[in-house]
PDB file of N, CA and C in Angstrom:
ATOM      1  N   UNK A   1     135.259 166.350 244.458  1.00  0.00           N
ATOM      2  CA  UNK A   1     134.228 165.767 243.620  1.00  0.00           C
ATOM      3  C   UNK A   1     134.441 166.229 242.183  1.00  0.00           C
ATOM      4  N   UNK A   2     134.466 165.284 241.286  1.00  0.00           N
ATOM      5  CA  UNK A   2     134.679 165.597 239.883  1.00  0.00           C
ATOM      6  C   UNK A   2     133.381 165.885 239.158  1.00  0.00           C
ATOM      7  N   UNK A   3     133.516 166.172 237.873  1.00  0.00           N
ATOM      8  CA  UNK A   3     132.358 166.496 237.039  1.00  0.00           C
ATOM      9  C   UNK A   3     131.357 165.346 237.001  1.00  0.00           C
ATOM     10  N   UNK A   4     131.842 164.099 237.089  1.00  0.00           N
ATOM     11  CA  UNK A   4     130.939 162.955 237.019  1.00  0.00           C
ATOM     12  C   UNK A   4     130.016 162.858 238.231  1.00  0.00           C
ATOM     13  N   UNK A   5     130.274 163.640 239.263  1.00  0.00           N
ATOM     14  CA  UNK A   5     129.422 163.594 240.443  1.00  0.00           C
ATOM     15  C   UNK A   5     128.183 164.472 240.297  1.00  0.00           C
ATOM     16  N   UNK A   6     128.136 165.327 239.281  1.00  0.00           N
ATOM     17  CA  UNK A   6     126.961 166.157 239.065  1.00  0.00           C
ATOM     18  C   UNK A   6     125.819 165.295 238.550  1.00  0.00           C
ATOM     19  N   UNK A   7     124.600 165.716 238.807  1.00  0.00           N
ATOM     20  CA  UNK A   7     123.433 164.918 238.425  1.00  0.00           C
ATOM     21  C   UNK A   7     122.954 165.247 237.016  1.00  0.00           C
ATOM     22  N   UNK A   8     122.500 164.216 236.315  1.00  0.00           N
ATOM     23  CA  UNK A   8     121.862 164.348 235.004  1.00  0.00           C
ATOM     24  C   UNK A   8     120.544 163.607 235.107  1.00  0.00           C
ATOM     25  N   UNK A   9     119.440 164.312 234.901  1.00  0.00           N
ATOM     26  CA  UNK A   9     118.113 163.698 235.002  1.00  0.00           C
ATOM     27  C   UNK A   9     117.952 162.924 236.311  1.00  0.00           C
ATOM     28  N   UNK A  10     118.536 163.439 237.379  1.00  0.00           N
ATOM     29  CA  UNK A  10     118.409 162.805 238.680  1.00  0.00           C
ATOM     30  C   UNK A  10     119.398 161.683 238.932  1.00  0.00           C
ATOM     31  N   UNK A  11     120.277 161.388 237.979  1.00  0.00           N
ATOM     32  CA  UNK A  11     121.261 160.328 238.145  1.00  0.00           C
ATOM     33  C   UNK A  11     122.654 160.924 238.193  1.00  0.00           C
ATOM     34  N   UNK A  12     123.540 160.279 238.927  1.00  0.00           N
ATOM     35  CA  UNK A  12     124.939 160.703 238.914  1.00  0.00           C
ATOM     36  C   UNK A  12     125.502 160.471 237.531  1.00  0.00           C
ATOM     37  N   UNK A  13     126.356 161.381 237.081  1.00  0.00           N
ATOM     38  CA  UNK A  13     126.994 161.219 235.773  1.00  0.00           C
ATOM     39  C   UNK A  13     128.024 160.094 235.864  1.00  0.00           C
ATOM     40  N   UNK A  14     127.701 158.974 235.283  1.00  0.00           N
ATOM     41  CA  UNK A  14     128.620 157.844 235.199  1.00  0.00           C
ATOM     42  C   UNK A  14     128.630 157.389 233.752  1.00  0.00           C
ATOM     43  N   UNK A  15     129.550 156.514 233.420  1.00  0.00           N
ATOM     44  CA  UNK A  15     129.636 156.054 232.033  1.00  0.00           C
ATOM     45  C   UNK A  15     128.319 155.461 231.548  1.00  0.00           C
ATOM     46  N   UNK A  16     127.641 154.682 232.383  1.00  0.00           N
ATOM     47  CA  UNK A  16     126.386 154.069 231.925  1.00  0.00           C
ATOM     48  C   UNK A  16     125.292 155.113 231.723  1.00  0.00           C
ATOM     49  N   UNK A  17     125.315 156.206 232.461  1.00  0.00           N
ATOM     50  CA  UNK A  17     124.341 157.283 232.237  1.00  0.00           C
ATOM     51  C   UNK A  17     124.619 157.946 230.892  1.00  0.00           C
ATOM     52  N   UNK A  18     125.896 158.202 230.607  1.00  0.00           N
ATOM     53  CA  UNK A  18     126.248 158.788 229.312  1.00  0.00           C
ATOM     54  C   UNK A  18     125.844 157.856 228.162  1.00  0.00           C
ATOM     55  N   UNK A  19     126.058 156.550 228.331  1.00  0.00           N
ATOM     56  CA  UNK A  19     125.667 155.594 227.295  1.00  0.00           C
ATOM     57  C   UNK A  19     124.153 155.593 227.103  1.00  0.00           C
ATOM     58  N   UNK A  20     123.397 155.679 228.181  1.00  0.00           N
ATOM     59  CA  UNK A  20     121.941 155.683 228.076  1.00  0.00           C
ATOM     60  C   UNK A  20     121.457 156.949 227.374  1.00  0.00           C
ATOM     61  N   UNK A  21     122.051 158.075 227.683  1.00  0.00           N
ATOM     62  CA  UNK A  21     121.673 159.329 227.016  1.00  0.00           C
ATOM     63  C   UNK A  21     121.958 159.221 225.520  1.00  0.00           C
ATOM     64  N   UNK A  22     123.118 158.684 225.169  1.00  0.00           N
ATOM     65  CA  UNK A  22     123.466 158.505 223.749  1.00  0.00           C
ATOM     66  C   UNK A  22     122.508 157.522 223.079  1.00  0.00           C
ATOM     67  N   UNK A  23     122.161 156.448 223.756  1.00  0.00           N
ATOM     68  CA  UNK A  23     121.245 155.451 223.190  1.00  0.00           C
ATOM     69  C   UNK A  23     119.858 156.042 222.965  1.00  0.00           C
ATOM     70  N   UNK A  24     119.383 156.844 223.907  1.00  0.00           N
ATOM     71  CA  UNK A  24     118.069 157.466 223.749  1.00  0.00           C
ATOM     72  C   UNK A  24     118.037 158.412 222.552  1.00  0.00           C
ATOM     73  N   UNK A  25     119.160 159.038 222.242  1.00  0.00           N
ATOM     74  CA  UNK A  25     119.225 159.991 221.133  1.00  0.00           C
ATOM     75  C   UNK A  25     119.490 159.316 219.787  1.00  0.00           C
ATOM     76  N   UNK A  26     119.805 158.045 219.795  1.00  0.00           N
ATOM     77  CA  UNK A  26     120.174 157.324 218.573  1.00  0.00           C
ATOM     78  C   UNK A  26     118.964 156.763 217.839  1.00  0.00           C
ATOM     79  N   UNK A  27     119.132 156.525 216.552  1.00  0.00           N
ATOM     80  CA  UNK A  27     118.098 155.889 215.731  1.00  0.00           C
ATOM     81  C   UNK A  27     118.164 154.369 215.858  1.00  0.00           C
ATOM     82  N   UNK A  28     119.350 153.855 216.117  1.00  0.00           N
ATOM     83  CA  UNK A  28     119.591 152.414 216.161  1.00  0.00           C
ATOM     84  C   UNK A  28     120.605 152.130 217.251  1.00  0.00           C
ATOM     85  N   UNK A  29     120.319 151.101 218.056  1.00  0.00           N
ATOM     86  CA  UNK A  29     121.249 150.645 219.082  1.00  0.00           C
ATOM     87  C   UNK A  29     121.548 149.181 218.775  1.00  0.00           C
ATOM     88  N   UNK A  30     122.803 148.843 218.682  1.00  0.00           N
ATOM     89  CA  UNK A  30     123.235 147.477 218.392  1.00  0.00           C
ATOM     90  C   UNK A  30     124.097 147.002 219.544  1.00  0.00           C
ATOM     91  N   UNK A  31     123.751 145.845 220.089  1.00  0.00           N
ATOM     92  CA  UNK A  31     124.551 145.254 221.157  1.00  0.00           C
ATOM     93  C   UNK A  31     124.998 143.872 220.697  1.00  0.00           C
ATOM     94  N   UNK A  32     126.293 143.657 220.706  1.00  0.00           N
ATOM     95  CA  UNK A  32     126.886 142.371 220.408  1.00  0.00           C
ATOM     96  C   UNK A  32     127.259 141.741 221.736  1.00  0.00           C
ATOM     97  N   UNK A  33     126.579 140.657 222.074  1.00  0.00           N
ATOM     98  CA  UNK A  33     126.857 139.977 223.333  1.00  0.00           C
ATOM     99  C   UNK A  33     128.228 139.315 223.211  1.00  0.00           C
ATOM    100  N   UNK A  34     129.223 139.944 223.819  1.00  0.00           N
ATOM    101  CA  UNK A  34     130.572 139.428 223.673  1.00  0.00           C
ATOM    102  C   UNK A  34     131.391 139.526 224.958  1.00  0.00           C
ATOM    103  N   UNK A  35     130.822 140.129 225.984  1.00  0.00           N
ATOM    104  CA  UNK A  35     131.577 140.322 227.225  1.00  0.00           C
ATOM    105  C   UNK A  35     130.592 140.522 228.376  1.00  0.00           C
ATOM    106  N   UNK A  36     131.076 140.407 229.600  1.00  0.00           N
ATOM    107  CA  UNK A  36     130.191 140.708 230.737  1.00  0.00           C
ATOM    108  C   UNK A  36     129.614 142.121 230.664  1.00  0.00           C
ATOM    109  N   UNK A  37     130.390 143.078 230.143  1.00  0.00           N
ATOM    110  CA  UNK A  37     129.898 144.453 230.012  1.00  0.00           C
ATOM    111  C   UNK A  37     128.741 144.556 229.043  1.00  0.00           C
ATOM    112  N   UNK A  38     128.821 143.847 227.914  1.00  0.00           N
ATOM    113  CA  UNK A  38     127.721 143.903 226.946  1.00  0.00           C
ATOM    114  C   UNK A  38     126.489 143.186 227.472  1.00  0.00           C
ATOM    115  N   UNK A  39     126.684 142.178 228.292  1.00  0.00           N
ATOM    116  CA  UNK A  39     125.534 141.491 228.909  1.00  0.00           C
ATOM    117  C   UNK A  39     124.849 142.439 229.888  1.00  0.00           C
ATOM    118  N   UNK A  40     125.627 143.149 230.685  1.00  0.00           N
ATOM    119  CA  UNK A  40     125.052 144.132 231.619  1.00  0.00           C
ATOM    120  C   UNK A  40     124.347 145.243 230.849  1.00  0.00           C
ATOM    121  N   UNK A  41     124.958 145.697 229.753  1.00  0.00           N
ATOM    122  CA  UNK A  41     124.364 146.744 228.919  1.00  0.00           C
ATOM    123  C   UNK A  41     123.025 146.280 228.343  1.00  0.00           C
ATOM    124  N   UNK A  42     122.952 145.033 227.926  1.00  0.00           N
ATOM    125  CA  UNK A  42     121.702 144.483 227.410  1.00  0.00           C
ATOM    126  C   UNK A  42     120.604 144.602 228.456  1.00  0.00           C
ATOM    127  N   UNK A  43     120.906 144.204 229.656  1.00  0.00           N
ATOM    128  CA  UNK A  43     119.910 144.266 230.732  1.00  0.00           C
ATOM    129  C   UNK A  43     119.494 145.702 231.014  1.00  0.00           C
ATOM    130  N   UNK A  44     120.433 146.600 231.050  1.00  0.00           N
ATOM    131  CA  UNK A  44     120.120 148.002 231.337  1.00  0.00           C
ATOM    132  C   UNK A  44     119.318 148.627 230.195  1.00  0.00           C
ATOM    133  N   UNK A  45     119.734 148.409 228.966  1.00  0.00           N
ATOM    134  CA  UNK A  45     119.078 149.031 227.821  1.00  0.00           C
ATOM    135  C   UNK A  45     117.668 148.493 227.609  1.00  0.00           C
ATOM    136  N   UNK A  46     117.455 147.212 227.833  1.00  0.00           N
ATOM    137  CA  UNK A  46     116.117 146.652 227.610  1.00  0.00           C
ATOM    138  C   UNK A  46     115.119 147.068 228.680  1.00  0.00           C
ATOM    139  N   UNK A  47     115.598 147.600 229.773  1.00  0.00           N
ATOM    140  CA  UNK A  47     114.690 148.092 230.808  1.00  0.00           C
ATOM    141  C   UNK A  47     114.206 149.508 230.515  1.00  0.00           C
ATOM    142  N   UNK A  48     114.801 150.161 229.540  1.00  0.00           N
ATOM    143  CA  UNK A  48     114.382 151.492 229.109  1.00  0.00           C
ATOM    144  C   UNK A  48     113.595 151.303 227.816  1.00  0.00           C
ATOM    145  N   UNK A  49     112.281 151.475 227.855  1.00  0.00           N
ATOM    146  CA  UNK A  49     111.428 151.166 226.697  1.00  0.00           C
ATOM    147  C   UNK A  49     111.793 151.971 225.454  1.00  0.00           C
ATOM    148  N   UNK A  50     112.226 153.216 225.630  1.00  0.00           N
ATOM    149  CA  UNK A  50     112.638 154.031 224.484  1.00  0.00           C
ATOM    150  C   UNK A  50     113.830 153.394 223.788  1.00  0.00           C
ATOM    151  N   UNK A  51     114.790 152.964 224.557  1.00  0.00           N
ATOM    152  CA  UNK A  51     115.994 152.342 224.004  1.00  0.00           C
ATOM    153  C   UNK A  51     115.687 150.929 223.511  1.00  0.00           C
ATOM    154  N   UNK A  52     114.898 150.182 224.262  1.00  0.00           N
ATOM    155  CA  UNK A  52     114.573 148.801 223.876  1.00  0.00           C
ATOM    156  C   UNK A  52     113.900 148.747 222.512  1.00  0.00           C
ATOM    157  N   UNK A  53     113.093 149.751 222.202  1.00  0.00           N
ATOM    158  CA  UNK A  53     112.348 149.742 220.939  1.00  0.00           C
ATOM    159  C   UNK A  53     113.245 149.880 219.720  1.00  0.00           C
ATOM    160  N   UNK A  54     114.476 150.342 219.913  1.00  0.00           N
ATOM    161  CA  UNK A  54     115.380 150.505 218.767  1.00  0.00           C
ATOM    162  C   UNK A  54     116.670 149.708 218.929  1.00  0.00           C
ATOM    163  N   UNK A  55     116.651 148.755 219.857  1.00  0.00           N
ATOM    164  CA  UNK A  55     117.827 147.936 220.119  1.00  0.00           C
ATOM    165  C   UNK A  55     117.748 146.616 219.367  1.00  0.00           C
ATOM    166  N   UNK A  56     118.818 146.293 218.682  1.00  0.00           N
ATOM    167  CA  UNK A  56     118.972 144.990 218.035  1.00  0.00           C
ATOM    168  C   UNK A  56     120.087 144.256 218.763  1.00  0.00           C
ATOM    169  N   UNK A  57     119.782 143.044 219.194  1.00  0.00           N
ATOM    170  CA  UNK A  57     120.741 142.232 219.931  1.00  0.00           C
ATOM    171  C   UNK A  57     121.327 141.170 219.018  1.00  0.00           C
ATOM    172  N   UNK A  58     122.601 141.000 219.087  1.00  0.00           N
ATOM    173  CA  UNK A  58     123.297 139.936 218.371  1.00  0.00           C
ATOM    174  C   UNK A  58     123.889 139.020 219.422  1.00  0.00           C
ATOM    175  N   UNK A  59     123.273 137.840 219.557  1.00  0.00           N
ATOM    176  CA  UNK A  59     123.653 136.884 220.595  1.00  0.00           C
ATOM    177  C   UNK A  59     124.352 135.688 219.972  1.00  0.00           C
ATOM    178  N   UNK A  60     125.370 135.203 220.653  1.00  0.00           N
ATOM    179  CA  UNK A  60     126.068 134.009 220.219  1.00  0.00           C
ATOM    180  C   UNK A  60     125.093 132.835 220.259  1.00  0.00           C
ATOM    181  N   UNK A  61     125.024 132.091 219.168  1.00  0.00           N
ATOM    182  CA  UNK A  61     124.099 130.957 219.075  1.00  0.00           C
ATOM    183  C   UNK A  61     124.352 129.942 220.184  1.00  0.00           C
ATOM    184  N   UNK A  62     125.577 129.878 220.680  1.00  0.00           N
ATOM    185  CA  UNK A  62     125.897 128.963 221.778  1.00  0.00           C
ATOM    186  C   UNK A  62     125.120 129.305 223.038  1.00  0.00           C
ATOM    187  N   UNK A  63     124.636 130.548 223.131  1.00  0.00           N
ATOM    188  CA  UNK A  63     123.881 130.992 224.311  1.00  0.00           C
ATOM    189  C   UNK A  63     122.385 131.118 224.038  1.00  0.00           C
ATOM    190  N   UNK A  64     121.904 130.461 222.990  1.00  0.00           N
ATOM    191  CA  UNK A  64     120.501 130.587 222.598  1.00  0.00           C
ATOM    192  C   UNK A  64     119.540 130.145 223.704  1.00  0.00           C
ATOM    193  N   UNK A  65     119.968 129.254 224.545  1.00  0.00           N
ATOM    194  CA  UNK A  65     119.130 128.802 225.652  1.00  0.00           C
ATOM    195  C   UNK A  65     119.555 129.425 226.974  1.00  0.00           C
ATOM    196  N   UNK A  66     120.299 130.511 226.891  1.00  0.00           N
ATOM    197  CA  UNK A  66     120.816 131.152 228.095  1.00  0.00           C
ATOM    198  C   UNK A  66     119.862 132.150 228.711  1.00  0.00           C
ATOM    199  N   UNK A  67     120.352 132.805 229.732  1.00  0.00           N
ATOM    200  CA  UNK A  67     119.550 133.723 230.535  1.00  0.00           C
ATOM    201  C   UNK A  67     119.032 134.914 229.728  1.00  0.00           C
ATOM    202  N   UNK A  68     119.883 135.523 228.914  1.00  0.00           N
ATOM    203  CA  UNK A  68     119.434 136.690 228.146  1.00  0.00           C
ATOM    204  C   UNK A  68     118.352 136.291 227.165  1.00  0.00           C
ATOM    205  N   UNK A  69     118.577 135.238 226.401  1.00  0.00           N
ATOM    206  CA  UNK A  69     117.619 134.823 225.366  1.00  0.00           C
ATOM    207  C   UNK A  69     116.301 134.348 225.951  1.00  0.00           C
ATOM    208  N   UNK A  70     116.351 133.657 227.052  1.00  0.00           N
ATOM    209  CA  UNK A  70     115.132 133.084 227.622  1.00  0.00           C
ATOM    210  C   UNK A  70     114.625 133.820 228.849  1.00  0.00           C
ATOM    211  N   UNK A  71     115.264 134.881 229.215  1.00  0.00           N
ATOM    212  CA  UNK A  71     114.848 135.652 230.380  1.00  0.00           C
ATOM    213  C   UNK A  71     114.409 137.033 229.983  1.00  0.00           C
ATOM    214  N   UNK A  72     115.330 137.930 230.055  1.00  0.00           N
ATOM    215  CA  UNK A  72     115.038 139.343 229.850  1.00  0.00           C
ATOM    216  C   UNK A  72     114.457 139.642 228.472  1.00  0.00           C
ATOM    217  N   UNK A  73     115.012 139.042 227.430  1.00  0.00           N
ATOM    218  CA  UNK A  73     114.548 139.319 226.065  1.00  0.00           C
ATOM    219  C   UNK A  73     113.070 138.968 225.917  1.00  0.00           C
ATOM    220  N   UNK A  74     112.655 137.846 226.478  1.00  0.00           N
ATOM    221  CA  UNK A  74     111.257 137.428 226.346  1.00  0.00           C
ATOM    222  C   UNK A  74     110.296 138.324 227.112  1.00  0.00           C
ATOM    223  N   UNK A  75     110.804 139.072 228.075  1.00  0.00           N
ATOM    224  CA  UNK A  75     109.951 139.949 228.871  1.00  0.00           C
ATOM    225  C   UNK A  75     109.604 141.239 228.150  1.00  0.00           C
ATOM    226  N   UNK A  76     110.293 141.542 227.073  1.00  0.00           N
ATOM    227  CA  UNK A  76     110.115 142.823 226.407  1.00  0.00           C
ATOM    228  C   UNK A  76     109.568 142.658 225.010  1.00  0.00           C
ATOM    229  N   UNK A  77     108.352 143.144 224.789  1.00  0.00           N
ATOM    230  CA  UNK A  77     107.705 143.053 223.481  1.00  0.00           C
ATOM    231  C   UNK A  77     108.494 143.785 222.412  1.00  0.00           C
ATOM    232  N   UNK A  78     109.188 144.849 222.777  1.00  0.00           N
ATOM    233  CA  UNK A  78     109.911 145.664 221.804  1.00  0.00           C
ATOM    234  C   UNK A  78     111.097 144.960 221.181  1.00  0.00           C
ATOM    235  N   UNK A  79     111.436 143.753 221.628  1.00  0.00           N
ATOM    236  CA  UNK A  79     112.575 143.048 221.058  1.00  0.00           C
ATOM    237  C   UNK A  79     112.152 142.075 219.965  1.00  0.00           C
ATOM    238  N   UNK A  80     110.860 142.005 219.665  1.00  0.00           N
ATOM    239  CA  UNK A  80     110.382 141.091 218.630  1.00  0.00           C
ATOM    240  C   UNK A  80     111.094 141.379 217.307  1.00  0.00           C
ATOM    241  N   UNK A  81     111.605 140.343 216.689  1.00  0.00           N
ATOM    242  CA  UNK A  81     112.350 140.426 215.426  1.00  0.00           C
ATOM    243  C   UNK A  81     113.621 141.256 215.541  1.00  0.00           C
ATOM    244  N   UNK A  82     114.093 141.494 216.744  1.00  0.00           N
ATOM    245  CA  UNK A  82     115.298 142.289 216.931  1.00  0.00           C
ATOM    246  C   UNK A  82     116.384 141.512 217.664  1.00  0.00           C
ATOM    247  N   UNK A  83     116.200 140.220 217.750  1.00  0.00           N
ATOM    248  CA  UNK A  83     117.210 139.357 218.350  1.00  0.00           C
ATOM    249  C   UNK A  83     117.750 138.471 217.246  1.00  0.00           C
ATOM    250  N   UNK A  84     119.054 138.564 217.044  1.00  0.00           N
ATOM    251  CA  UNK A  84     119.703 137.841 215.959  1.00  0.00           C
ATOM    252  C   UNK A  84     120.781 136.952 216.568  1.00  0.00           C
ATOM    253  N   UNK A  85     120.931 135.753 216.032  1.00  0.00           N
ATOM    254  CA  UNK A  85     121.932 134.815 216.535  1.00  0.00           C
ATOM    255  C   UNK A  85     123.052 134.661 215.524  1.00  0.00           C
ATOM    256  N   UNK A  86     124.255 134.513 216.021  1.00  0.00           N
ATOM    257  CA  UNK A  86     125.410 134.321 215.153  1.00  0.00           C
ATOM    258  C   UNK A  86     126.251 133.167 215.684  1.00  0.00           C
ATOM    259  N   UNK A  87     127.038 132.601 214.800  1.00  0.00           N
ATOM    260  CA  UNK A  87     127.963 131.538 215.177  1.00  0.00           C
ATOM    261  C   UNK A  87     129.333 132.165 215.389  1.00  0.00           C
ATOM    262  N   UNK A  88     129.823 132.011 216.592  1.00  0.00           N
ATOM    263  CA  UNK A  88     131.144 132.551 216.906  1.00  0.00           C
ATOM    264  C   UNK A  88     132.160 131.418 216.837  1.00  0.00           C
ATOM    265  N   UNK A  89     133.300 131.623 216.233  1.00  0.00           N
ATOM    266  CA  UNK A  89     133.835 132.854 215.671  1.00  0.00           C
ATOM    267  C   UNK A  89     133.589 133.002 214.166  1.00  0.00           C
ATOM    268  N   UNK A  90     132.957 131.991 213.546  1.00  0.00           N
ATOM    269  CA  UNK A  90     132.836 131.988 212.081  1.00  0.00           C
ATOM    270  C   UNK A  90     132.195 133.260 211.524  1.00  0.00           C
ATOM    271  N   UNK A  91     131.024 133.631 212.039  1.00  0.00           N
ATOM    272  CA  UNK A  91     130.305 134.797 211.512  1.00  0.00           C
ATOM    273  C   UNK A  91     131.071 136.094 211.759  1.00  0.00           C
ATOM    274  N   UNK A  92     131.798 136.139 212.863  1.00  0.00           N
ATOM    275  CA  UNK A  92     132.606 137.328 213.149  1.00  0.00           C
ATOM    276  C   UNK A  92     133.793 137.407 212.188  1.00  0.00           C
ATOM    277  N   UNK A  93     134.435 136.266 211.955  1.00  0.00           N
ATOM    278  CA  UNK A  93     135.587 136.238 211.050  1.00  0.00           C
ATOM    279  C   UNK A  93     135.200 136.621 209.624  1.00  0.00           C
ATOM    280  N   UNK A  94     133.982 136.267 209.210  1.00  0.00           N
ATOM    281  CA  UNK A  94     133.522 136.565 207.847  1.00  0.00           C
ATOM    282  C   UNK A  94     132.871 137.944 207.737  1.00  0.00           C
ATOM    283  N   UNK A  95     132.849 138.690 208.828  1.00  0.00           N
ATOM    284  CA  UNK A  95     132.236 140.028 208.876  1.00  0.00           C
ATOM    285  C   UNK A  95     130.743 139.998 208.530  1.00  0.00           C
ATOM    286  N   UNK A  96     130.079 138.882 208.775  1.00  0.00           N
ATOM    287  CA  UNK A  96     128.646 138.794 208.474  1.00  0.00           C
ATOM    288  C   UNK A  96     127.827 139.738 209.349  1.00  0.00           C
ATOM    289  N   UNK A  97     128.208 139.899 210.594  1.00  0.00           N
ATOM    290  CA  UNK A  97     127.459 140.795 211.480  1.00  0.00           C
ATOM    291  C   UNK A  97     127.599 142.237 211.019  1.00  0.00           C
ATOM    292  N   UNK A  98     128.790 142.620 210.626  1.00  0.00           N
ATOM    293  CA  UNK A  98     129.003 143.988 210.143  1.00  0.00           C
ATOM    294  C   UNK A  98     128.117 144.251 208.931  1.00  0.00           C
ATOM    295  N   UNK A  99     128.070 143.308 208.007  1.00  0.00           N
ATOM    296  CA  UNK A  99     127.240 143.458 206.815  1.00  0.00           C
ATOM    297  C   UNK A  99     125.767 143.617 207.196  1.00  0.00           C
ATOM    298  N   UNK A 100     125.290 142.807 208.115  1.00  0.00           N
ATOM    299  CA  UNK A 100     123.886 142.882 208.559  1.00  0.00           C
ATOM    300  C   UNK A 100     123.575 144.212 209.218  1.00  0.00           C
ATOM    301  N   UNK A 101     124.465 144.686 210.081  1.00  0.00           N
ATOM    302  CA  UNK A 101     124.230 145.933 210.813  1.00  0.00           C
ATOM    303  C   UNK A 101     124.274 147.130 209.866  1.00  0.00           C
ATOM    304  N   UNK A 102     125.200 147.140 208.922  1.00  0.00           N
ATOM    305  CA  UNK A 102     125.273 148.243 207.964  1.00  0.00           C
ATOM    306  C   UNK A 102     123.998 148.286 207.119  1.00  0.00           C
ATOM    307  N   UNK A 103     123.523 147.128 206.676  1.00  0.00           N
ATOM    308  CA  UNK A 103     122.290 147.065 205.888  1.00  0.00           C
ATOM    309  C   UNK A 103     121.099 147.552 206.719  1.00  0.00           C
ATOM    310  N   UNK A 104     121.036 147.151 207.967  1.00  0.00           N
ATOM    311  CA  UNK A 104     119.969 147.588 208.869  1.00  0.00           C
ATOM    312  C   UNK A 104     119.996 149.102 209.041  1.00  0.00           C
ATOM    313  N   UNK A 105     121.177 149.671 209.267  1.00  0.00           N
ATOM    314  CA  UNK A 105     121.307 151.116 209.433  1.00  0.00           C
ATOM    315  C   UNK A 105     120.897 151.851 208.157  1.00  0.00           C
ATOM    316  N   UNK A 106     121.275 151.318 207.004  1.00  0.00           N
ATOM    317  CA  UNK A 106     120.881 151.939 205.738  1.00  0.00           C
ATOM    318  C   UNK A 106     119.368 151.895 205.549  1.00  0.00           C
ATOM    319  N   UNK A 107     118.741 150.795 205.929  1.00  0.00           N
ATOM    320  CA  UNK A 107     117.276 150.690 205.825  1.00  0.00           C
ATOM    321  C   UNK A 107     116.582 151.694 206.732  1.00  0.00           C
ATOM    322  N   UNK A 108     117.089 151.868 207.929  1.00  0.00           N
ATOM    323  CA  UNK A 108     116.514 152.838 208.866  1.00  0.00           C
ATOM    324  C   UNK A 108     116.687 154.255 208.321  1.00  0.00           C
ATOM    325  N   UNK A 109     117.854 154.553 207.790  1.00  0.00           N
ATOM    326  CA  UNK A 109     118.116 155.881 207.214  1.00  0.00           C
ATOM    327  C   UNK A 109     117.198 156.146 206.027  1.00  0.00           C
ATOM    328  N   UNK A 110     117.015 155.141 205.160  1.00  0.00           N
ATOM    329  CA  UNK A 110     116.139 155.297 204.000  1.00  0.00           C
ATOM    330  C   UNK A 110     114.694 155.512 204.437  1.00  0.00           C
ATOM    331  N   UNK A 111     114.243 154.729 205.403  1.00  0.00           N
ATOM    332  CA  UNK A 111     112.873 154.877 205.898  1.00  0.00           C
ATOM    333  C   UNK A 111     112.650 156.257 206.505  1.00  0.00           C
ATOM    334  N   UNK A 112     113.629 156.758 207.231  1.00  0.00           N
ATOM    335  CA  UNK A 112     113.519 158.099 207.824  1.00  0.00           C
ATOM    336  C   UNK A 112     113.442 159.156 206.719  1.00  0.00           C
ATOM    337  N   UNK A 113     114.250 159.018 205.677  1.00  0.00           N
ATOM    338  CA  UNK A 113     114.227 159.966 204.565  1.00  0.00           C
ATOM    339  C   UNK A 113     112.873 159.935 203.859  1.00  0.00           C
ATOM    340  N   UNK A 114     112.344 158.736 203.621  1.00  0.00           N
ATOM    341  CA  UNK A 114     111.036 158.602 202.964  1.00  0.00           C
ATOM    342  C   UNK A 114     109.953 159.273 203.807  1.00  0.00           C
ATOM    343  N   UNK A 115     109.975 159.054 205.124  1.00  0.00           N
ATOM    344  CA  UNK A 115     108.993 159.704 206.006  1.00  0.00           C
ATOM    345  C   UNK A 115     109.124 161.211 205.957  1.00  0.00           C
ATOM    346  N   UNK A 116     110.364 161.710 205.878  1.00  0.00           N
ATOM    347  CA  UNK A 116     110.566 163.163 205.854  1.00  0.00           C
ATOM    348  C   UNK A 116     110.053 163.798 204.565  1.00  0.00           C
ATOM    349  N   UNK A 117     109.965 163.025 203.501  1.00  0.00           N
ATOM    350  CA  UNK A 117     109.504 163.531 202.207  1.00  0.00           C
ATOM    351  C   UNK A 117     108.036 163.195 201.975  1.00  0.00           C
ATOM    352  N   UNK A 118     107.394 162.571 202.969  1.00  0.00           N
ATOM    353  CA  UNK A 118     105.991 162.149 202.859  1.00  0.00           C
ATOM    354  C   UNK A 118     105.765 161.266 201.639  1.00  0.00           C
ATOM    355  N   UNK A 119     106.700 160.393 201.380  1.00  0.00           N
ATOM    356  CA  UNK A 119     106.592 159.445 200.280  1.00  0.00           C
ATOM    357  C   UNK A 119     106.054 158.123 200.829  1.00  0.00           C
ATOM    358  N   UNK A 120     105.169 157.514 200.104  1.00  0.00           N
ATOM    359  CA  UNK A 120     104.680 156.192 200.503  1.00  0.00           C
ATOM    360  C   UNK A 120     103.680 156.291 201.539  1.00  0.00           C
TER     361      UNK A 120
END
């Protein structure tokens, strides 16, 4: 039995457990729906309210009427204004998503700094 067989918070140490621990400790979680793995991650992360509250989803506009957009996402109040649609491959080729995510991260960092200084 390897190290991954030891328990963490009652769960076996597997890659998805490590990802969940990292997501819980993060200020911002960004998921780009681009593979079966990211779709599974979306479902897992949105079921954890702590992680769901800081998760921003970037979904391909071609899937706007799909299962994630009209199923799981609608079930979670914490995803309000945190679901963004992009046109693939155009938006990816132009790095528009990267620009949006960097700006979002900077806004979160600035807001955290302002709160720490009791400004505003």
